[in-house]
Amino acid sequence: MLHFLQPGFLYLYFPEDKTEYIPVVLELILLIIICTLVFRWLKRKSVKEAAKAREIEEKVMQARKEALEKELSQN
């Protein structure tokens, strides 16, 4: 059924000397740390951007409200 996957398994390399896994594990740990740091940085940055967007939205809504009140008071 999954014959297309069989040739890939023939070329897998599992070393007899398990110390060859050490650099791979260290690289994996380093990449996980970097990914975590980038994720936290992006999350903090998005919170700051959301706060700025909220501020701008409030200013626009206030200006719109003042313009509407001014227009109503003139009529």
Protein backbone atom coordinates (compact mmCIF):
# COMPACT_ATOMS: atom_id res chain seq x y z
CA MET A 1 0.00 0.00 0.00
CA LEU A 2 2.72 2.51 0.95
CA HIS A 3 5.38 1.15 -1.36
CA PHE A 4 6.59 4.63 -2.25
CA LEU A 5 7.88 5.06 1.32
CA GLN A 6 9.97 1.88 1.42
CA PRO A 7 13.06 3.11 -0.47
CA GLY A 8 13.47 6.01 1.98
CA PHE A 9 13.82 3.68 4.94
CA LEU A 10 16.68 1.84 3.28
CA TYR A 11 18.89 4.92 3.50
CA LEU A 12 18.36 5.80 7.15
CA TYR A 13 21.56 6.00 9.16
CA PHE A 14 21.67 4.90 12.77
CA PRO A 15 25.24 5.11 14.05
CA GLU A 16 26.70 2.45 16.28
CA ASP A 17 28.65 5.11 18.19
CA LYS A 18 25.92 6.99 20.06
CA THR A 19 28.21 9.98 20.71
CA GLU A 20 27.40 11.09 17.16
CA TYR A 21 23.98 12.08 18.49
CA ILE A 22 25.45 14.74 20.83
CA PRO A 23 25.89 17.52 18.21
CA VAL A 24 22.41 16.85 16.86
CA VAL A 25 20.82 17.06 20.30
CA LEU A 26 22.73 20.26 21.08
CA GLU A 27 21.60 21.80 17.80
CA LEU A 28 18.00 20.78 18.49
CA ILE A 29 18.12 22.35 21.96
CA LEU A 30 19.66 25.53 20.54
CA LEU A 31 16.98 25.79 17.85
CA ILE A 32 14.19 25.23 20.37
CA ILE A 33 15.62 28.02 22.56
CA ILE A 34 15.92 30.38 19.58
CA CYS A 35 12.37 29.59 18.44
CA THR A 36 11.03 30.20 21.95
CA LEU A 37 12.83 33.55 22.20
CA VAL A 38 11.58 34.66 18.77
CA PHE A 39 8.04 33.60 19.64
CA ARG A 40 8.10 35.57 22.92
CA TRP A 41 9.58 38.63 21.14
CA LEU A 42 6.86 38.53 18.46
CA LYS A 43 4.18 38.12 21.11
CA ARG A 44 5.43 41.16 23.06
CA LYS A 45 5.73 43.19 19.88
CA SER A 46 2.17 42.32 18.81
CA VAL A 47 0.82 43.39 22.22
CA LYS A 48 2.55 46.77 21.84
CA GLU A 49 1.23 47.16 18.29
CA ALA A 50 -2.29 46.30 19.46
CA ALA A 51 -2.06 48.97 22.15
CA LYS A 52 -0.95 51.54 19.56
CA ALA A 53 -3.78 50.51 17.25
CA ARG A 54 -6.27 50.86 20.11
CA GLU A 55 -4.95 54.37 20.83
CA ILE A 56 -5.29 55.42 17.21
CA GLU A 57 -8.78 53.94 17.04
CA GLU A 58 -9.84 55.87 20.14
CA LYS A 59 -8.48 59.13 18.66
CA VAL A 60 -10.32 58.54 15.39
CA MET A 61 -13.56 57.68 17.17
CA GLN A 62 -13.24 60.78 19.38
CA ALA A 63 -12.61 63.01 16.35
CA ARG A 64 -15.57 61.45 14.55
CA LYS A 65 -17.77 61.99 17.59
CA GLU A 66 -16.70 65.64 17.87
CA ALA A 67 -17.34 66.20 14.16
CA LEU A 68 -20.80 64.66 14.46
CA GLU A 69 -21.63 66.79 17.53
CA LYS A 70 -20.40 69.91 15.73
CA GLU A 71 -22.52 69.08 12.69
CA LEU A 72 -25.61 68.46 14.85
CA SER A 73 -25.11 71.69 16.80
CA GLN A 74 -24.94 73.70 13.55
CA ASN A 75 -28.25 72.30 12.31
